[in-house]
Amino acid sequence: MKDTILIVGLGVIGAGFAQGLSSVGYPVYGVDLDKKTIEYALEHKIIVKGGQDIEEFLPIANIIILCVYPQAILNILQSHQFSPNQIVTDVSGVKSNLVETINNLNISCQYVSIHPMAGREKKGILYADKTRFYDANFLIIPTNKTTNLAIETLTKIAKDLKFGRITTMSSWHHDEMIAKTSQLPHALAVALVLSDDDNDTVNYIGDSYRDLTRIAMINHDLWQELFMENKNNLLKNIEKFEKKLDNIKDCLKQGDVEGLKALFKASTTKREMMNKEKVTK
């Protein structure tokens, strides 16, 4: 018999998890503050039962997945009682401050943090899609309350959801890498869109602009929290990016054709290596 799962927060990630886990036989319960979200989840058989009160489902859940904002995660952990047999996790996009706080909390559950690298620019249950997880990266971040069983259980869940590479890493390394691979691209997309002061740009954009700016349609409440929580790492990567953009600008100012070609060749080679690593993972 499969573990009973409680998902708190049926947004795009939480509902996506519920879809995927329900489809492979897990009994999944859901909690969300929005009554219409619960009704939708029940109507589409994403969950077997749902409500707005976590306490209603805590006694029956083996695994609890917190798909809410970082501060809300801590509020839940501090206001509810968990048992030593329960495995609790979260999908927060930043980890260092969260894990440090959790390490110092008086909670008895087995706690391990995770990060499914498959977010979307849209929010809400209507945009949940379990196929977004297929072959995506899945990160596991232990705390001092993590057991081997907790890691094994979350690894199995990742495989059941059809994630690709599964990596265990420290919270500080996670935040260093996320600043570069997730937060910096979001910052660039926002800056690119806001730097455009033409009214008719939409008539001229192609795939490159669409691809680069898709994530500029951003959940402002969530992402301001993620940026601020990880601001030191993000600032370092913004400064690195600025230097490389200055290299391109200098080549243009100086008419340095060969220098510009060298930068393009270097970026092509590095990007091709990323493709090869993905194929051979």
Protein backbone atom coordinates (compact mmCIF):
# COMPACT_ATOMS: atom_id res chain seq x y z
CA MET A 1 0.00 0.00 0.00
CA LYS A 2 1.30 3.44 -0.97
CA ASP A 3 1.89 6.28 1.48
CA THR A 4 -0.96 8.70 2.10
CA ILE A 5 0.06 12.17 0.94
CA LEU A 6 -1.17 15.56 2.07
CA ILE A 7 -0.36 18.49 -0.22
CA VAL A 8 -0.74 21.93 1.31
CA GLY A 9 -1.15 24.56 -1.40
CA LEU A 10 -2.76 23.40 -4.66
CA GLY A 11 -1.13 25.90 -6.98
CA VAL A 12 0.68 25.04 -10.17
CA ILE A 13 3.34 22.90 -8.42
CA GLY A 14 1.19 21.44 -5.65
CA ALA A 15 -1.65 20.48 -7.98
CA GLY A 16 0.87 19.15 -10.49
CA PHE A 17 2.28 16.88 -7.78
CA ALA A 18 -1.25 15.83 -6.85
CA GLN A 19 -2.08 14.99 -10.47
CA GLY A 20 1.03 12.91 -10.95
CA LEU A 21 0.91 11.07 -7.64
CA SER A 22 -2.82 10.34 -7.90
CA SER A 23 -2.30 8.92 -11.37
CA VAL A 24 0.12 6.29 -10.03
CA GLY A 25 -2.04 5.19 -7.13
CA TYR A 26 -1.14 7.40 -4.17
CA PRO A 27 -4.08 8.51 -2.00
CA VAL A 28 -3.64 12.29 -2.16
CA TYR A 29 -5.40 14.81 0.08
CA GLY A 30 -5.27 18.55 -0.50
CA VAL A 31 -5.47 21.74 1.53
CA ASP A 32 -5.86 25.20 0.06
CA LEU A 33 -7.27 28.48 1.37
CA ASP A 34 -9.26 28.92 -1.84
CA LYS A 35 -12.49 26.90 -1.71
CA LYS A 36 -12.88 27.00 -5.51
CA THR A 37 -9.44 25.43 -5.89
CA ILE A 38 -10.49 22.52 -3.66
CA GLU A 39 -13.71 22.11 -5.63
CA TYR A 40 -11.79 22.02 -8.90
CA ALA A 41 -9.31 19.47 -7.53
CA LEU A 42 -12.12 17.19 -6.38
CA GLU A 43 -14.10 17.56 -9.59
CA HIS A 44 -11.07 16.59 -11.69
CA LYS A 45 -10.06 13.77 -9.33
CA ILE A 46 -6.72 15.42 -8.55
CA ILE A 47 -7.31 14.63 -4.86
CA VAL A 48 -9.55 12.17 -3.01
CA LYS A 49 -10.57 14.70 -0.37
CA GLY A 50 -9.73 18.30 0.42
CA GLY A 51 -10.40 21.25 2.65
CA GLN A 52 -9.05 24.47 4.09
CA ASP A 53 -7.86 23.12 7.46
CA ILE A 54 -4.55 21.26 7.71
CA GLU A 55 -5.55 19.74 11.07
CA GLU A 56 -8.31 17.73 9.40
CA PHE A 57 -5.79 15.67 7.44
CA LEU A 58 -2.64 15.57 9.59
CA PRO A 59 -3.67 12.41 11.48
CA ILE A 60 -3.93 10.35 8.28
CA ALA A 61 -0.95 11.68 6.28
CA ASN A 62 2.37 9.82 6.05
CA ILE A 63 3.95 12.42 3.78
CA ILE A 64 3.19 16.14 3.89
CA ILE A 65 4.30 18.36 1.00
CA LEU A 66 4.20 22.09 1.71
CA CYS A 67 3.71 23.94 -1.59
CA VAL A 68 3.46 27.44 -0.14
CA TYR A 69 5.71 30.49 0.19
CA PRO A 70 8.80 30.27 2.44
CA GLN A 71 7.38 32.26 5.35
CA ALA A 72 4.13 30.30 5.21
CA ILE A 73 6.14 27.07 5.50
CA LEU A 74 7.63 28.23 8.80
CA ASN A 75 4.23 29.40 10.06
CA ILE A 76 2.79 25.93 9.41
CA LEU A 77 5.70 24.14 11.10
CA GLN A 78 5.43 26.37 14.17
CA SER A 79 1.65 26.13 14.55
CA HIS A 80 1.01 22.40 14.02
CA GLN A 81 2.18 19.17 15.62
CA PHE A 82 3.83 16.45 13.53
CA SER A 83 4.76 12.91 14.51
CA PRO A 84 8.19 11.20 14.23
CA ASN A 85 6.71 8.84 11.63
CA GLN A 86 5.69 11.64 9.30
CA ILE A 87 7.93 12.87 6.49
CA VAL A 88 7.49 16.58 5.81
CA THR A 89 8.94 18.47 2.86
CA ASP A 90 8.58 21.77 1.01
CA VAL A 91 9.13 23.00 -2.55
CA SER A 92 10.51 26.44 -1.70
CA GLY A 93 12.77 28.03 -4.31
CA VAL A 94 15.31 29.21 -1.70
CA LYS A 95 16.73 27.07 1.07
CA SER A 96 19.55 28.46 3.25
CA ASN A 97 17.56 30.65 5.64
CA LEU A 98 14.66 28.20 5.63
CA VAL A 99 16.81 25.17 6.45
CA GLU A 100 18.74 27.06 9.14
CA THR A 101 15.48 28.01 10.83
CA ILE A 102 14.06 24.50 10.53
CA ASN A 103 17.25 23.06 12.04
CA ASN A 104 16.54 25.12 15.16
CA LEU A 105 12.83 24.36 15.41
CA ASN A 106 11.49 21.93 17.97
CA ILE A 107 9.67 19.62 15.57
CA SER A 108 9.68 15.84 15.71
CA CYS A 109 8.96 14.92 12.09
CA GLN A 110 11.47 13.72 9.51
CA TYR A 111 12.05 16.89 7.48
CA VAL A 112 13.77 17.07 4.09
CA SER A 113 13.49 19.97 1.68
CA ILE A 114 13.11 19.54 -2.10
CA HIS A 115 13.09 21.72 -5.20
CA PRO A 116 11.38 20.46 -8.38
CA MET A 117 12.98 22.43 -11.21
CA ALA A 118 9.84 22.70 -13.28
CA GLY A 119 8.09 25.95 -12.42
CA ARG A 120 5.85 27.93 -14.73
CA GLU A 121 5.22 31.59 -15.37
CA LYS A 122 1.51 31.00 -14.69
CA LYS A 123 0.08 30.38 -11.24
CA GLY A 124 -2.92 28.46 -9.99
CA ILE A 125 -4.42 25.00 -10.32
CA LEU A 126 -5.73 25.67 -13.84
CA TYR A 127 -2.15 25.63 -15.12
CA ALA A 128 -1.01 22.51 -13.25
CA ASP A 129 0.40 19.82 -15.54
CA LYS A 130 2.12 16.67 -14.31
CA THR A 131 4.00 16.31 -17.60
CA ARG A 132 6.04 19.42 -16.73
CA PHE A 133 8.00 17.23 -14.32
CA TYR A 134 9.01 14.64 -16.92
CA ASP A 135 12.83 14.52 -17.16
CA ALA A 136 13.17 17.73 -15.11
CA ASN A 137 15.82 18.10 -12.41
CA PHE A 138 14.81 17.26 -8.83
CA LEU A 139 16.90 18.62 -5.95
CA ILE A 140 16.95 17.17 -2.42
CA ILE A 141 18.24 19.35 0.42
CA PRO A 142 18.66 17.60 3.80
CA THR A 143 18.19 19.24 7.19
CA ASN A 144 19.38 18.01 10.59
CA LYS A 145 15.97 16.34 10.87
CA THR A 146 16.40 14.31 7.68
CA THR A 147 16.59 10.51 7.85
CA ASN A 148 17.71 8.02 5.21
CA LEU A 149 14.09 6.92 4.99
CA ALA A 150 13.02 10.48 4.20
CA ILE A 151 15.55 10.76 1.35
CA GLU A 152 14.60 7.33 -0.01
CA THR A 153 10.91 8.22 0.13
CA LEU A 154 11.32 11.55 -1.68
CA THR A 155 13.58 9.89 -4.25
CA LYS A 156 10.84 7.35 -4.98
CA ILE A 157 8.26 10.12 -5.29
CA ALA A 158 10.53 11.93 -7.75
CA LYS A 159 10.83 8.78 -9.83
CA ASP A 160 7.08 8.16 -9.69
CA LEU A 161 6.58 11.71 -10.99
CA LYS A 162 9.06 10.89 -13.80
CA PHE A 163 11.68 13.46 -12.89
CA GLY A 164 15.06 13.02 -14.55
CA ARG A 165 18.27 13.73 -12.65
CA ILE A 166 17.88 13.59 -8.86
CA THR A 167 20.57 15.45 -6.90
CA THR A 168 21.18 15.76 -3.15
CA MET A 169 22.92 18.97 -2.14
CA SER A 170 23.46 21.40 0.73
CA SER A 171 21.19 24.40 1.22
CA TRP A 172 23.97 26.93 0.59
CA HIS A 173 25.06 25.22 -2.64
CA HIS A 174 21.43 25.06 -3.74
CA ASP A 175 21.01 28.81 -3.29
CA GLU A 176 24.27 29.56 -5.12
CA MET A 177 23.17 27.52 -8.11
CA ILE A 178 19.55 28.73 -8.11
CA ALA A 179 20.71 32.35 -8.15
CA LYS A 180 22.52 31.58 -11.40
CA THR A 181 20.15 29.15 -13.12
CA SER A 182 16.75 30.49 -12.08
CA GLN A 183 16.76 33.88 -10.39
CA LEU A 184 19.21 35.63 -12.73
CA PRO A 185 17.23 34.56 -15.85
CA HIS A 186 14.07 35.91 -14.25
CA ALA A 187 15.80 39.20 -13.44
CA LEU A 188 17.08 39.47 -17.03
CA ALA A 189 13.65 38.75 -18.50
CA VAL A 190 12.04 41.43 -16.33
CA ALA A 191 14.75 43.96 -17.20
CA LEU A 192 14.52 43.18 -20.92
CA VAL A 193 10.76 43.74 -21.01
CA LEU A 194 10.92 46.91 -18.90
CA SER A 195 13.77 48.37 -21.00
CA ASP A 196 11.51 48.43 -24.06
CA ASP A 197 9.67 51.75 -24.42
CA ASP A 198 8.20 51.15 -27.90
CA ASN A 199 4.44 50.69 -28.15
CA ASP A 200 4.48 48.41 -31.20
CA THR A 201 7.16 45.88 -30.23
CA VAL A 202 4.59 43.07 -30.35
CA ASN A 203 4.43 43.48 -34.15
CA TYR A 204 8.09 42.58 -34.55
CA ILE A 205 9.00 39.96 -31.96
CA GLY A 206 10.09 36.46 -32.92
CA ASP A 207 10.84 33.23 -31.08
CA SER A 208 14.04 34.54 -29.47
CA TYR A 209 12.22 37.41 -27.75
CA ARG A 210 9.31 35.17 -26.76
CA ASP A 211 11.64 32.53 -25.30
CA LEU A 212 13.72 35.05 -23.38
CA THR A 213 10.79 36.98 -21.93
CA ARG A 214 8.28 34.21 -21.17
CA ILE A 215 9.29 34.21 -17.50
CA ALA A 216 8.87 37.98 -17.24
CA MET A 217 5.20 37.15 -16.59
CA ILE A 218 6.13 36.65 -12.97
CA ASN A 219 4.31 35.94 -9.71
CA HIS A 220 5.38 39.15 -7.99
CA ASP A 221 4.43 38.10 -4.46
CA LEU A 222 6.44 34.89 -4.63
CA TRP A 223 9.45 36.14 -6.57
CA GLN A 224 10.10 39.25 -4.51
CA GLU A 225 10.34 36.92 -1.51
CA LEU A 226 12.69 34.53 -3.34
CA PHE A 227 14.91 37.37 -4.58
CA MET A 228 15.20 38.99 -1.17
CA GLU A 229 15.88 35.68 0.59
CA ASN A 230 18.78 34.99 -1.77
CA LYS A 231 19.88 38.54 -2.59
CA ASN A 232 23.63 38.13 -1.90
CA ASN A 233 23.98 35.21 -4.31
CA LEU A 234 21.79 36.92 -6.88
CA LEU A 235 23.77 40.18 -6.69
CA LYS A 236 27.02 38.28 -7.33
CA ASN A 237 25.57 36.71 -10.46
CA ILE A 238 24.11 40.00 -11.71
CA GLU A 239 27.59 41.53 -11.42
CA LYS A 240 29.16 38.60 -13.33
CA PHE A 241 26.56 39.00 -16.05
CA GLU A 242 27.16 42.74 -16.26
CA LYS A 243 30.88 42.10 -16.90
CA LYS A 244 30.11 39.74 -19.79
CA LEU A 245 27.59 42.15 -21.26
CA ASP A 246 30.25 44.86 -20.98
CA ASN A 247 32.61 42.61 -22.97
CA ILE A 248 30.09 42.56 -25.81
CA LYS A 249 29.52 46.31 -25.52
CA ASP A 250 33.26 47.00 -25.62
CA CYS A 251 33.66 44.90 -28.78
CA LEU A 252 30.89 46.89 -30.43
CA LYS A 253 32.34 50.24 -29.39
CA GLN A 254 35.83 49.29 -30.61
CA GLY A 255 34.67 47.58 -33.80
CA ASP A 256 36.37 44.40 -32.57
CA VAL A 257 34.92 41.81 -34.97
CA GLU A 258 37.26 39.00 -33.91
CA GLY A 259 36.61 39.67 -30.24
CA LEU A 260 32.86 39.47 -30.82
CA LYS A 261 33.26 36.21 -32.76
CA ALA A 262 35.36 34.75 -29.95
CA LEU A 263 32.63 35.52 -27.40
CA PHE A 264 30.00 33.91 -29.61
CA LYS A 265 32.14 30.82 -30.20
CA ALA A 266 32.83 30.45 -26.48
CA SER A 267 29.14 30.66 -25.60
CA THR A 268 28.20 28.16 -28.33
CA THR A 269 30.79 25.65 -27.11
CA LYS A 270 29.68 25.98 -23.49
CA ARG A 271 25.99 25.62 -24.37
CA GLU A 272 26.65 22.56 -26.53
CA MET A 273 28.39 20.90 -23.59
CA MET A 274 25.25 21.41 -21.49
CA ASN A 275 23.20 19.60 -24.15
CA LYS A 276 25.64 16.67 -24.13
CA GLU A 277 25.52 16.41 -20.35
CA LYS A 278 21.72 16.28 -20.45
CA VAL A 279 21.71 13.49 -23.04
CA THR A 280 24.25 11.37 -21.11
CA LYS A 281 22.85 11.92 -17.60
